[in-house]
PDB file of all heavy atoms in Angstrom:
ATOM      1  N   ARG A   1     115.024 117.281 100.618  1.00  0.00           N
ATOM      2  CA  ARG A   1     115.035 117.024 102.103  1.00  0.00           C
ATOM      3  C   ARG A   1     114.433 115.624 102.385  1.00  0.00           C
ATOM      4  O   ARG A   1     113.270 115.399 102.116  1.00  0.00           O
ATOM      5  CB  ARG A   1     114.241 118.075 102.780  1.00  0.00           C
ATOM      6  CG  ARG A   1     114.051 117.890 104.254  1.00  0.00           C
ATOM      7  CD  ARG A   1     113.205 118.987 104.869  1.00  0.00           C
ATOM      8  NE  ARG A   1     113.070 118.706 106.316  1.00  0.00           N
ATOM      9  CZ  ARG A   1     112.013 118.823 106.988  1.00  0.00           C
ATOM     10  NH1 ARG A   1     110.906 119.288 106.388  1.00  0.00           N
ATOM     11  NH2 ARG A   1     111.937 118.537 108.255  1.00  0.00           N
ATOM     12  N   GLU A   2     115.229 114.756 102.970  1.00  0.00           N
ATOM     13  CA  GLU A   2     114.782 113.460 103.405  1.00  0.00           C
ATOM     14  C   GLU A   2     113.702 112.801 102.478  1.00  0.00           C
ATOM     15  O   GLU A   2     112.553 112.605 102.926  1.00  0.00           O
ATOM     16  CB  GLU A   2     114.263 113.566 104.834  1.00  0.00           C
ATOM     17  CG  GLU A   2     115.245 114.061 105.805  1.00  0.00           C
ATOM     18  CD  GLU A   2     114.712 114.168 107.235  1.00  0.00           C
ATOM     19  OE1 GLU A   2     114.150 115.224 107.566  1.00  0.00           O
ATOM     20  OE2 GLU A   2     114.840 113.192 108.004  1.00  0.00           O
ATOM     21  N   PRO A   3     114.055 112.475 101.277  1.00  0.00           N
ATOM     22  CA  PRO A   3     113.063 111.900 100.320  1.00  0.00           C
ATOM     23  C   PRO A   3     112.396 110.644 100.808  1.00  0.00           C
ATOM     24  O   PRO A   3     111.250 110.333 100.430  1.00  0.00           O
ATOM     25  CB  PRO A   3     113.806 111.687  99.088  1.00  0.00           C
ATOM     26  CG  PRO A   3     115.288 111.996  99.313  1.00  0.00           C
ATOM     27  CD  PRO A   3     115.360 112.677 100.630  1.00  0.00           C
ATOM     28  N   ALA A   4     113.055 109.893 101.706  1.00  0.00           N
ATOM     29  CA  ALA A   4     112.456 108.667 102.259  1.00  0.00           C
ATOM     30  C   ALA A   4     111.251 108.969 103.107  1.00  0.00           C
ATOM     31  O   ALA A   4     110.304 108.195 103.250  1.00  0.00           O
ATOM     32  CB  ALA A   4     113.524 107.902 103.071  1.00  0.00           C
ATOM     33  N   ILE A   5     111.225 110.199 103.674  1.00  0.00           N
ATOM     34  CA  ILE A   5     110.103 110.654 104.537  1.00  0.00           C
ATOM     35  C   ILE A   5     109.102 111.470 103.680  1.00  0.00           C
ATOM     36  O   ILE A   5     107.862 111.260 103.792  1.00  0.00           O
ATOM     37  CB  ILE A   5     110.625 111.452 105.739  1.00  0.00           C
ATOM     38  CG1 ILE A   5     111.464 110.522 106.667  1.00  0.00           C
ATOM     39  CG2 ILE A   5     109.430 112.035 106.469  1.00  0.00           C
ATOM     40  CD1 ILE A   5     112.093 111.233 107.766  1.00  0.00           C
ATOM     41  N   TYR A   6     109.633 112.434 102.854  1.00  0.00           N
ATOM     42  CA  TYR A   6     108.768 113.411 102.235  1.00  0.00           C
ATOM     43  C   TYR A   6     108.534 113.188 100.759  1.00  0.00           C
ATOM     44  O   TYR A   6     107.723 113.875 100.135  1.00  0.00           O
ATOM     45  CB  TYR A   6     109.372 114.804 102.444  1.00  0.00           C
ATOM     46  CG  TYR A   6     109.458 115.251 103.867  1.00  0.00           C
ATOM     47  CD1 TYR A   6     110.637 115.186 104.575  1.00  0.00           C
ATOM     48  CD2 TYR A   6     108.310 115.621 104.565  1.00  0.00           C
ATOM     49  CE1 TYR A   6     110.756 115.571 105.951  1.00  0.00           C
ATOM     50  CE2 TYR A   6     108.390 115.995 105.903  1.00  0.00           C
ATOM     51  CZ  TYR A   6     109.647 115.946 106.590  1.00  0.00           C
ATOM     52  OH  TYR A   6     109.703 116.237 107.876  1.00  0.00           O
ATOM     53  N   GLY A   7     109.205 112.201 100.165  1.00  0.00           N
ATOM     54  CA  GLY A   7     109.054 111.842  98.762  1.00  0.00           C
ATOM     55  C   GLY A   7     110.032 112.612  97.946  1.00  0.00           C
ATOM     56  O   GLY A   7     110.847 113.476  98.361  1.00  0.00           O
ATOM     57  N   SER A   8     109.995 112.276  96.641  1.00  0.00           N
ATOM     58  CA  SER A   8     110.941 112.897  95.713  1.00  0.00           C
ATOM     59  C   SER A   8     110.451 114.067  94.891  1.00  0.00           C
ATOM     60  O   SER A   8     111.223 114.768  94.143  1.00  0.00           O
ATOM     61  CB  SER A   8     111.421 111.768  94.731  1.00  0.00           C
ATOM     62  OG  SER A   8     110.291 111.283  93.998  1.00  0.00           O
ATOM     63  N   ARG A   9     109.130 114.360  95.030  1.00  0.00           N
ATOM     64  CA  ARG A   9     108.588 115.471  94.270  1.00  0.00           C
ATOM     65  C   ARG A   9     109.027 116.803  94.963  1.00  0.00           C
ATOM     66  O   ARG A   9     108.997 116.914  96.176  1.00  0.00           O
ATOM     67  CB  ARG A   9     107.088 115.402  94.184  1.00  0.00           C
ATOM     68  CG  ARG A   9     106.638 114.220  93.346  1.00  0.00           C
ATOM     69  CD  ARG A   9     105.140 114.204  93.061  1.00  0.00           C
ATOM     70  NE  ARG A   9     104.423 113.768  94.258  1.00  0.00           N
ATOM     71  CZ  ARG A   9     103.141 113.715  94.434  1.00  0.00           C
ATOM     72  NH1 ARG A   9     102.351 114.066  93.376  1.00  0.00           N
ATOM     73  NH2 ARG A   9     102.554 113.281  95.510  1.00  0.00           N
ATOM     74  N   ASP A  10     109.283 117.860  94.141  1.00  0.00           N
ATOM     75  CA  ASP A  10     109.721 119.093  94.688  1.00  0.00           C
ATOM     76  C   ASP A  10     108.635 120.031  95.065  1.00  0.00           C
ATOM     77  O   ASP A  10     107.405 119.752  94.833  1.00  0.00           O
ATOM     78  CB  ASP A  10     110.715 119.735  93.761  1.00  0.00           C
ATOM     79  CG  ASP A  10     110.147 120.177  92.432  1.00  0.00           C
ATOM     80  OD1 ASP A  10     108.905 120.176  92.282  1.00  0.00           O
ATOM     81  OD2 ASP A  10     110.931 120.575  91.583  1.00  0.00           O
ATOM     82  N   TYR A  11     108.944 121.186  95.640  1.00  0.00           N
ATOM     83  CA  TYR A  11     107.952 122.148  96.049  1.00  0.00           C
ATOM     84  C   TYR A  11     107.107 122.705  94.949  1.00  0.00           C
ATOM     85  O   TYR A  11     105.903 122.906  95.145  1.00  0.00           O
ATOM     86  CB  TYR A  11     108.635 123.362  96.849  1.00  0.00           C
ATOM     87  CG  TYR A  11     107.678 124.252  97.457  1.00  0.00           C
ATOM     88  CD1 TYR A  11     106.852 123.882  98.502  1.00  0.00           C
ATOM     89  CD2 TYR A  11     107.524 125.578  97.001  1.00  0.00           C
ATOM     90  CE1 TYR A  11     105.922 124.701  99.042  1.00  0.00           C
ATOM     91  CE2 TYR A  11     106.595 126.426  97.554  1.00  0.00           C
ATOM     92  CZ  TYR A  11     105.805 126.020  98.563  1.00  0.00           C
ATOM     93  OH  TYR A  11     104.875 126.828  99.103  1.00  0.00           O
ATOM     94  N   ASN A  12     107.685 122.940  93.790  1.00  0.00           N
ATOM     95  CA  ASN A  12     106.940 123.360  92.622  1.00  0.00           C
ATOM     96  C   ASN A  12     105.847 122.315  92.236  1.00  0.00           C
ATOM     97  O   ASN A  12     104.780 122.707  91.788  1.00  0.00           O
ATOM     98  CB  ASN A  12     107.832 123.724  91.429  1.00  0.00           C
ATOM     99  CG  ASN A  12     108.563 124.996  91.664  1.00  0.00           C
ATOM    100  OD1 ASN A  12     108.098 125.886  92.392  1.00  0.00           O
ATOM    101  ND2 ASN A  12     109.754 125.095  91.031  1.00  0.00           N
ATOM    102  N   SER A  13     106.216 121.051  92.416  1.00  0.00           N
ATOM    103  CA  SER A  13     105.218 119.996  92.088  1.00  0.00           C
ATOM    104  C   SER A  13     104.046 120.073  93.089  1.00  0.00           C
ATOM    105  O   SER A  13     102.890 119.864  92.766  1.00  0.00           O
ATOM    106  CB  SER A  13     105.887 118.662  92.176  1.00  0.00           C
ATOM    107  OG  SER A  13     106.873 118.494  91.204  1.00  0.00           O
ATOM    108  N   LEU A  14     104.360 120.425  94.370  1.00  0.00           N
ATOM    109  CA  LEU A  14     103.343 120.544  95.356  1.00  0.00           C
ATOM    110  C   LEU A  14     102.457 121.744  95.050  1.00  0.00           C
ATOM    111  O   LEU A  14     101.201 121.593  95.066  1.00  0.00           O
ATOM    112  CB  LEU A  14     103.952 120.768  96.776  1.00  0.00           C
ATOM    113  CG  LEU A  14     102.980 121.056  97.881  1.00  0.00           C
ATOM    114  CD1 LEU A  14     101.943 119.893  98.070  1.00  0.00           C
ATOM    115  CD2 LEU A  14     103.659 121.376  99.214  1.00  0.00           C
ATOM    116  N   LEU A  15     103.036 122.848  94.621  1.00  0.00           N
ATOM    117  CA  LEU A  15     102.196 124.028  94.272  1.00  0.00           C
ATOM    118  C   LEU A  15     101.308 123.688  93.085  1.00  0.00           C
ATOM    119  O   LEU A  15     100.113 124.090  93.113  1.00  0.00           O
ATOM    120  CB  LEU A  15     103.129 125.179  93.928  1.00  0.00           C
ATOM    121  CG  LEU A  15     103.921 125.738  95.082  1.00  0.00           C
ATOM    122  CD1 LEU A  15     104.852 126.896  94.572  1.00  0.00           C
ATOM    123  CD2 LEU A  15     103.032 126.238  96.201  1.00  0.00           C
ATOM    124  N   ALA A  16     101.837 123.030  92.094  1.00  0.00           N
ATOM    125  CA  ALA A  16     100.998 122.623  90.950  1.00  0.00           C
ATOM    126  C   ALA A  16      99.851 121.743  91.338  1.00  0.00           C
ATOM    127  O   ALA A  16      98.722 121.859  90.881  1.00  0.00           O
ATOM    128  CB  ALA A  16     101.853 121.987  89.832  1.00  0.00           C
ATOM    129  N   PHE A  17     100.198 120.755  92.247  1.00  0.00           N
ATOM    130  CA  PHE A  17      99.131 119.852  92.754  1.00  0.00           C
ATOM    131  C   PHE A  17      98.019 120.637  93.473  1.00  0.00           C
ATOM    132  O   PHE A  17      96.885 120.334  93.307  1.00  0.00           O
ATOM    133  CB  PHE A  17      99.775 118.799  93.656  1.00  0.00           C
ATOM    134  CG  PHE A  17      98.821 117.846  94.217  1.00  0.00           C
ATOM    135  CD1 PHE A  17      98.361 116.717  93.506  1.00  0.00           C
ATOM    136  CD2 PHE A  17      98.317 117.963  95.546  1.00  0.00           C
ATOM    137  CE1 PHE A  17      97.461 115.834  93.978  1.00  0.00           C
ATOM    138  CE2 PHE A  17      97.385 117.089  96.019  1.00  0.00           C
ATOM    139  CZ  PHE A  17      97.020 116.006  95.313  1.00  0.00           C
ATOM    140  N   ILE A  18      98.432 121.536  94.357  1.00  0.00           N
ATOM    141  CA  ILE A  18      97.486 122.301  95.167  1.00  0.00           C
ATOM    142  C   ILE A  18      96.579 123.128  94.232  1.00  0.00           C
ATOM    143  O   ILE A  18      95.373 123.136  94.370  1.00  0.00           O
ATOM    144  CB  ILE A  18      98.212 123.235  96.143  1.00  0.00           C
ATOM    145  CG1 ILE A  18      98.849 122.410  97.248  1.00  0.00           C
ATOM    146  CG2 ILE A  18      97.275 124.279  96.700  1.00  0.00           C
ATOM    147  CD1 ILE A  18      99.808 123.127  98.090  1.00  0.00           C
ATOM    148  N   LYS A  19      97.185 123.782  93.250  1.00  0.00           N
ATOM    149  CA  LYS A  19      96.441 124.667  92.317  1.00  0.00           C
ATOM    150  C   LYS A  19      95.477 123.858  91.447  1.00  0.00           C
ATOM    151  O   LYS A  19      94.305 124.219  91.232  1.00  0.00           O
ATOM    152  CB  LYS A  19      97.339 125.492  91.451  1.00  0.00           C
ATOM    153  CG  LYS A  19      98.049 126.552  92.267  1.00  0.00           C
ATOM    154  CD  LYS A  19      99.135 127.328  91.490  1.00  0.00           C
ATOM    155  CE  LYS A  19      99.826 128.311  92.411  1.00  0.00           C
ATOM    156  NZ  LYS A  19     100.960 128.999  91.841  1.00  0.00           N
ATOM    157  N   GLU A  20      95.917 122.688  91.008  1.00  0.00           N
ATOM    158  CA  GLU A  20      95.067 121.810  90.220  1.00  0.00           C
ATOM    159  C   GLU A  20      93.862 121.271  91.048  1.00  0.00           C
ATOM    160  O   GLU A  20      92.752 121.209  90.637  1.00  0.00           O
ATOM    161  CB  GLU A  20      95.870 120.679  89.619  1.00  0.00           C
ATOM    162  CG  GLU A  20      95.081 119.718  88.786  1.00  0.00           C
ATOM    163  CD  GLU A  20      95.926 118.546  88.279  1.00  0.00           C
ATOM    164  OE1 GLU A  20      97.116 118.741  87.898  1.00  0.00           O
ATOM    165  OE2 GLU A  20      95.431 117.410  88.229  1.00  0.00           O
ATOM    166  N   SER A  21      94.171 120.864  92.279  1.00  0.00           N
ATOM    167  CA  SER A  21      93.184 120.355  93.225  1.00  0.00           C
ATOM    168  C   SER A  21      92.116 121.463  93.497  1.00  0.00           C
ATOM    169  O   SER A  21      90.929 121.107  93.483  1.00  0.00           O
ATOM    170  CB  SER A  21      93.813 119.828  94.456  1.00  0.00           C
ATOM    171  OG  SER A  21      94.662 118.776  94.252  1.00  0.00           O
ATOM    172  N   ALA A  22      92.591 122.619  93.781  1.00  0.00           N
ATOM    173  CA  ALA A  22      91.675 123.737  94.063  1.00  0.00           C
ATOM    174  C   ALA A  22      90.737 124.033  92.894  1.00  0.00           C
ATOM    175  O   ALA A  22      89.618 124.276  93.079  1.00  0.00           O
ATOM    176  CB  ALA A  22      92.490 125.023  94.511  1.00  0.00           C
ATOM    177  N   ALA A  23      91.380 124.149  91.690  1.00  0.00           N
ATOM    178  CA  ALA A  23      90.583 124.423  90.524  1.00  0.00           C
ATOM    179  C   ALA A  23      89.473 123.378  90.307  1.00  0.00           C
ATOM    180  O   ALA A  23      88.368 123.749  89.975  1.00  0.00           O
ATOM    181  CB  ALA A  23      91.491 124.485  89.318  1.00  0.00           C
ATOM    182  N   GLY A  24      89.836 122.109  90.563  1.00  0.00           N
ATOM    183  CA  GLY A  24      88.826 121.089  90.369  1.00  0.00           C
ATOM    184  C   GLY A  24      87.693 121.161  91.447  1.00  0.00           C
ATOM    185  O   GLY A  24      86.632 120.608  91.149  1.00  0.00           O
ATOM    186  N   LEU A  25      87.944 121.851  92.492  1.00  0.00           N
ATOM    187  CA  LEU A  25      86.910 121.986  93.556  1.00  0.00           C
ATOM    188  C   LEU A  25      86.217 123.322  93.406  1.00  0.00           C
ATOM    189  O   LEU A  25      85.368 123.697  94.283  1.00  0.00           O
ATOM    190  CB  LEU A  25      87.565 121.890  94.917  1.00  0.00           C
ATOM    191  CG  LEU A  25      88.111 120.494  95.245  1.00  0.00           C
ATOM    192  CD1 LEU A  25      89.042 120.572  96.460  1.00  0.00           C
ATOM    193  CD2 LEU A  25      86.941 119.520  95.488  1.00  0.00           C
ATOM    194  N   GLY A  26      86.617 124.131  92.406  1.00  0.00           N
ATOM    195  CA  GLY A  26      86.001 125.498  92.297  1.00  0.00           C
ATOM    196  C   GLY A  26      86.477 126.447  93.329  1.00  0.00           C
ATOM    197  O   GLY A  26      85.776 127.405  93.699  1.00  0.00           O
ATOM    198  N   LEU A  27      87.674 126.282  93.818  1.00  0.00           N
ATOM    199  CA  LEU A  27      88.233 127.207  94.860  1.00  0.00           C
ATOM    200  C   LEU A  27      89.283 128.041  94.195  1.00  0.00           C
ATOM    201  O   LEU A  27      90.054 127.638  93.303  1.00  0.00           O
ATOM    202  CB  LEU A  27      88.953 126.386  95.996  1.00  0.00           C
ATOM    203  CG  LEU A  27      88.030 125.422  96.796  1.00  0.00           C
ATOM    204  CD1 LEU A  27      88.937 124.623  97.712  1.00  0.00           C
ATOM    205  CD2 LEU A  27      87.076 126.242  97.643  1.00  0.00           C
ATOM    206  N   GLU A  28      89.387 129.315  94.733  1.00  0.00           N
ATOM    207  CA  GLU A  28      90.500 130.142  94.393  1.00  0.00           C
ATOM    208  C   GLU A  28      91.542 129.939  95.516  1.00  0.00           C
ATOM    209  O   GLU A  28      91.220 129.866  96.670  1.00  0.00           O
ATOM    210  CB  GLU A  28      90.063 131.576  94.452  1.00  0.00           C
ATOM    211  CG  GLU A  28      91.074 132.604  94.024  1.00  0.00           C
ATOM    212  CD  GLU A  28      90.536 134.069  93.920  1.00  0.00           C
ATOM    213  OE1 GLU A  28      89.340 134.217  93.702  1.00  0.00           O
ATOM    214  OE2 GLU A  28      91.351 134.925  94.217  1.00  0.00           O
ATOM    215  N   VAL A  29      92.789 129.735  95.106  1.00  0.00           N
ATOM    216  CA  VAL A  29      93.786 129.421  96.109  1.00  0.00           C
ATOM    217  C   VAL A  29      95.042 130.306  95.929  1.00  0.00           C
ATOM    218  O   VAL A  29      95.363 130.758  94.811  1.00  0.00           O
ATOM    219  CB  VAL A  29      94.246 127.922  95.955  1.00  0.00           C
ATOM    220  CG1 VAL A  29      95.021 127.610  94.746  1.00  0.00           C
ATOM    221  CG2 VAL A  29      95.029 127.452  97.210  1.00  0.00           C
ATOM    222  N   GLU A  30      95.594 130.645  97.047  1.00  0.00           N
ATOM    223  CA  GLU A  30      96.911 131.397  97.085  1.00  0.00           C
ATOM    224  C   GLU A  30      97.802 130.647  97.975  1.00  0.00           C
ATOM    225  O   GLU A  30      97.394 130.219  99.066  1.00  0.00           O
ATOM    226  CB  GLU A  30      96.605 132.794  97.640  1.00  0.00           C
ATOM    227  CG  GLU A  30      97.883 133.684  97.530  1.00  0.00           C
ATOM    228  CD  GLU A  30      97.561 135.149  97.965  1.00  0.00           C
ATOM    229  OE1 GLU A  30      96.557 135.707  97.435  1.00  0.00           O
ATOM    230  OE2 GLU A  30      98.308 135.648  98.834  1.00  0.00           O
ATOM    231  N   CYS A  31      99.047 130.498  97.594  1.00  0.00           N
ATOM    232  CA  CYS A  31     100.054 129.759  98.363  1.00  0.00           C
ATOM    233  C   CYS A  31     101.116 130.648  98.874  1.00  0.00           C
ATOM    234  O   CYS A  31     101.545 131.601  98.139  1.00  0.00           O
ATOM    235  CB  CYS A  31     100.643 128.657  97.531  1.00  0.00           C
ATOM    236  SG  CYS A  31      99.552 127.419  96.972  1.00  0.00           S
ATOM    237  N   PHE A  32     101.583 130.345 100.050  1.00  0.00           N
ATOM    238  CA  PHE A  32     102.683 131.126 100.710  1.00  0.00           C
ATOM    239  C   PHE A  32     103.590 130.175 101.438  1.00  0.00           C
ATOM    240  O   PHE A  32     103.079 129.234 102.094  1.00  0.00           O
ATOM    241  CB  PHE A  32     101.993 132.097 101.757  1.00  0.00           C
ATOM    242  CG  PHE A  32     103.033 132.857 102.521  1.00  0.00           C
ATOM    243  CD1 PHE A  32     103.620 134.023 102.070  1.00  0.00           C
ATOM    244  CD2 PHE A  32     103.362 132.466 103.825  1.00  0.00           C
ATOM    245  CE1 PHE A  32     104.552 134.703 102.809  1.00  0.00           C
ATOM    246  CE2 PHE A  32     104.247 133.159 104.572  1.00  0.00           C
ATOM    247  CZ  PHE A  32     104.855 134.270 104.063  1.00  0.00           C
ATOM    248  N   GLN A  33     104.845 130.419 101.346  1.00  0.00           N
ATOM    249  CA  GLN A  33     105.862 129.540 102.118  1.00  0.00           C
ATOM    250  C   GLN A  33     106.874 130.533 102.713  1.00  0.00           C
ATOM    251  O   GLN A  33     107.307 131.475 102.137  1.00  0.00           O
ATOM    252  CB  GLN A  33     106.534 128.591 101.162  1.00  0.00           C
ATOM    253  CG  GLN A  33     107.437 127.551 101.823  1.00  0.00           C
ATOM    254  CD  GLN A  33     108.827 128.080 102.205  1.00  0.00           C
ATOM    255  OE1 GLN A  33     109.398 128.869 101.475  1.00  0.00           O
ATOM    256  NE2 GLN A  33     109.393 127.594 103.285  1.00  0.00           N
ATOM    257  N   SER A  34     107.221 130.182 103.993  1.00  0.00           N
ATOM    258  CA  SER A  34     108.328 131.012 104.604  1.00  0.00           C
ATOM    259  C   SER A  34     109.024 130.080 105.624  1.00  0.00           C
ATOM    260  O   SER A  34     108.413 129.210 106.232  1.00  0.00           O
ATOM    261  CB  SER A  34     107.727 132.217 105.343  1.00  0.00           C
ATOM    262  OG  SER A  34     108.764 132.949 105.920  1.00  0.00           O
ATOM    263  N   ASN A  35     110.237 130.398 105.791  1.00  0.00           N
ATOM    264  CA  ASN A  35     111.083 129.735 106.839  1.00  0.00           C
ATOM    265  C   ASN A  35     111.076 130.597 108.103  1.00  0.00           C
ATOM    266  O   ASN A  35     111.744 130.231 109.047  1.00  0.00           O
ATOM    267  CB  ASN A  35     112.507 129.529 106.342  1.00  0.00           C
ATOM    268  CG  ASN A  35     112.580 128.641 105.183  1.00  0.00           C
ATOM    269  OD1 ASN A  35     111.946 127.607 105.157  1.00  0.00           O
ATOM    270  ND2 ASN A  35     113.345 128.985 104.139  1.00  0.00           N
ATOM    271  N   HIS A  36     110.330 131.690 108.089  1.00  0.00           N
ATOM    272  CA  HIS A  36     110.327 132.630 109.230  1.00  0.00           C
ATOM    273  C   HIS A  36     108.958 132.671 109.900  1.00  0.00           C
ATOM    274  O   HIS A  36     107.974 133.005 109.297  1.00  0.00           O
ATOM    275  CB  HIS A  36     110.738 134.002 108.732  1.00  0.00           C
ATOM    276  CG  HIS A  36     112.063 133.985 107.995  1.00  0.00           C
ATOM    277  ND1 HIS A  36     113.247 133.947 108.581  1.00  0.00           N
ATOM    278  CD2 HIS A  36     112.310 133.919 106.638  1.00  0.00           C
ATOM    279  CE1 HIS A  36     114.237 133.919 107.744  1.00  0.00           C
ATOM    280  NE2 HIS A  36     113.664 133.876 106.532  1.00  0.00           N
ATOM    281  N   GLU A  37     109.010 132.439 111.218  1.00  0.00           N
ATOM    282  CA  GLU A  37     107.816 132.411 112.017  1.00  0.00           C
ATOM    283  C   GLU A  37     106.976 133.729 111.936  1.00  0.00           C
ATOM    284  O   GLU A  37     105.765 133.651 111.690  1.00  0.00           O
ATOM    285  CB  GLU A  37     108.105 132.103 113.473  1.00  0.00           C
ATOM    286  CG  GLU A  37     106.945 131.996 114.338  1.00  0.00           C
ATOM    287  CD  GLU A  37     107.325 131.676 115.814  1.00  0.00           C
ATOM    288  OE1 GLU A  37     108.491 132.050 116.252  1.00  0.00           O
ATOM    289  OE2 GLU A  37     106.544 131.074 116.556  1.00  0.00           O
ATOM    290  N   GLY A  38     107.631 134.839 112.060  1.00  0.00           N
ATOM    291  CA  GLY A  38     106.963 136.119 112.000  1.00  0.00           C
ATOM    292  C   GLY A  38     106.305 136.375 110.642  1.00  0.00           C
ATOM    293  O   GLY A  38     105.198 136.922 110.609  1.00  0.00           O
ATOM    294  N   ALA A  39     106.888 135.918 109.560  1.00  0.00           N
ATOM    295  CA  ALA A  39     106.275 136.129 108.237  1.00  0.00           C
ATOM    296  C   ALA A  39     105.059 135.286 108.132  1.00  0.00           C
ATOM    297  O   ALA A  39     104.069 135.687 107.522  1.00  0.00           O
ATOM    298  CB  ALA A  39     107.316 135.712 107.129  1.00  0.00           C
ATOM    299  N   ILE A  40     105.042 134.098 108.722  1.00  0.00           N
ATOM    300  CA  ILE A  40     103.841 133.244 108.690  1.00  0.00           C
ATOM    301  C   ILE A  40     102.735 133.901 109.591  1.00  0.00           C
ATOM    302  O   ILE A  40     101.550 133.974 109.150  1.00  0.00           O
ATOM    303  CB  ILE A  40     104.143 131.823 109.252  1.00  0.00           C
ATOM    304  CG1 ILE A  40     105.079 131.151 108.228  1.00  0.00           C
ATOM    305  CG2 ILE A  40     102.897 131.032 109.423  1.00  0.00           C
ATOM    306  CD1 ILE A  40     105.713 129.862 108.644  1.00  0.00           C
ATOM    307  N   VAL A  41     103.070 134.410 110.723  1.00  0.00           N
ATOM    308  CA  VAL A  41     102.126 135.189 111.538  1.00  0.00           C
ATOM    309  C   VAL A  41     101.552 136.357 110.745  1.00  0.00           C
ATOM    310  O   VAL A  41     100.331 136.551 110.746  1.00  0.00           O
ATOM    311  CB  VAL A  41     102.768 135.629 112.906  1.00  0.00           C
ATOM    312  CG1 VAL A  41     101.865 136.554 113.650  1.00  0.00           C
ATOM    313  CG2 VAL A  41     103.083 134.395 113.723  1.00  0.00           C
ATOM    314  N   ASP A  42     102.443 137.150 110.156  1.00  0.00           N
ATOM    315  CA  ASP A  42     101.928 138.277 109.344  1.00  0.00           C
ATOM    316  C   ASP A  42     101.014 137.851 108.271  1.00  0.00           C
ATOM    317  O   ASP A  42      99.930 138.453 107.986  1.00  0.00           O
ATOM    318  CB  ASP A  42     103.166 139.010 108.686  1.00  0.00           C
ATOM    319  CG  ASP A  42     103.983 139.798 109.683  1.00  0.00           C
ATOM    320  OD1 ASP A  42     103.485 140.042 110.805  1.00  0.00           O
ATOM    321  OD2 ASP A  42     105.132 140.126 109.313  1.00  0.00           O
ATOM    322  N   CYS A  43     101.339 136.702 107.552  1.00  0.00           N
ATOM    323  CA  CYS A  43     100.453 136.197 106.528  1.00  0.00           C
ATOM    324  C   CYS A  43      99.078 135.801 107.029  1.00  0.00           C
ATOM    325  O   CYS A  43      98.088 136.128 106.400  1.00  0.00           O
ATOM    326  CB  CYS A  43     101.130 135.038 105.819  1.00  0.00           C
ATOM    327  SG  CYS A  43     100.298 134.355 104.397  1.00  0.00           S
TER     328      CYS A  43
END
């Protein structure tokens, strides 16, 4: 999606980055993605 705006790295790369960053900070992290507003509200 629009790599000129969002870059060329994919969603799995983002997840890996988040998990690595959290581990380095001593945080436990859980990731969730949805295209549905209600699912986000439920989460």
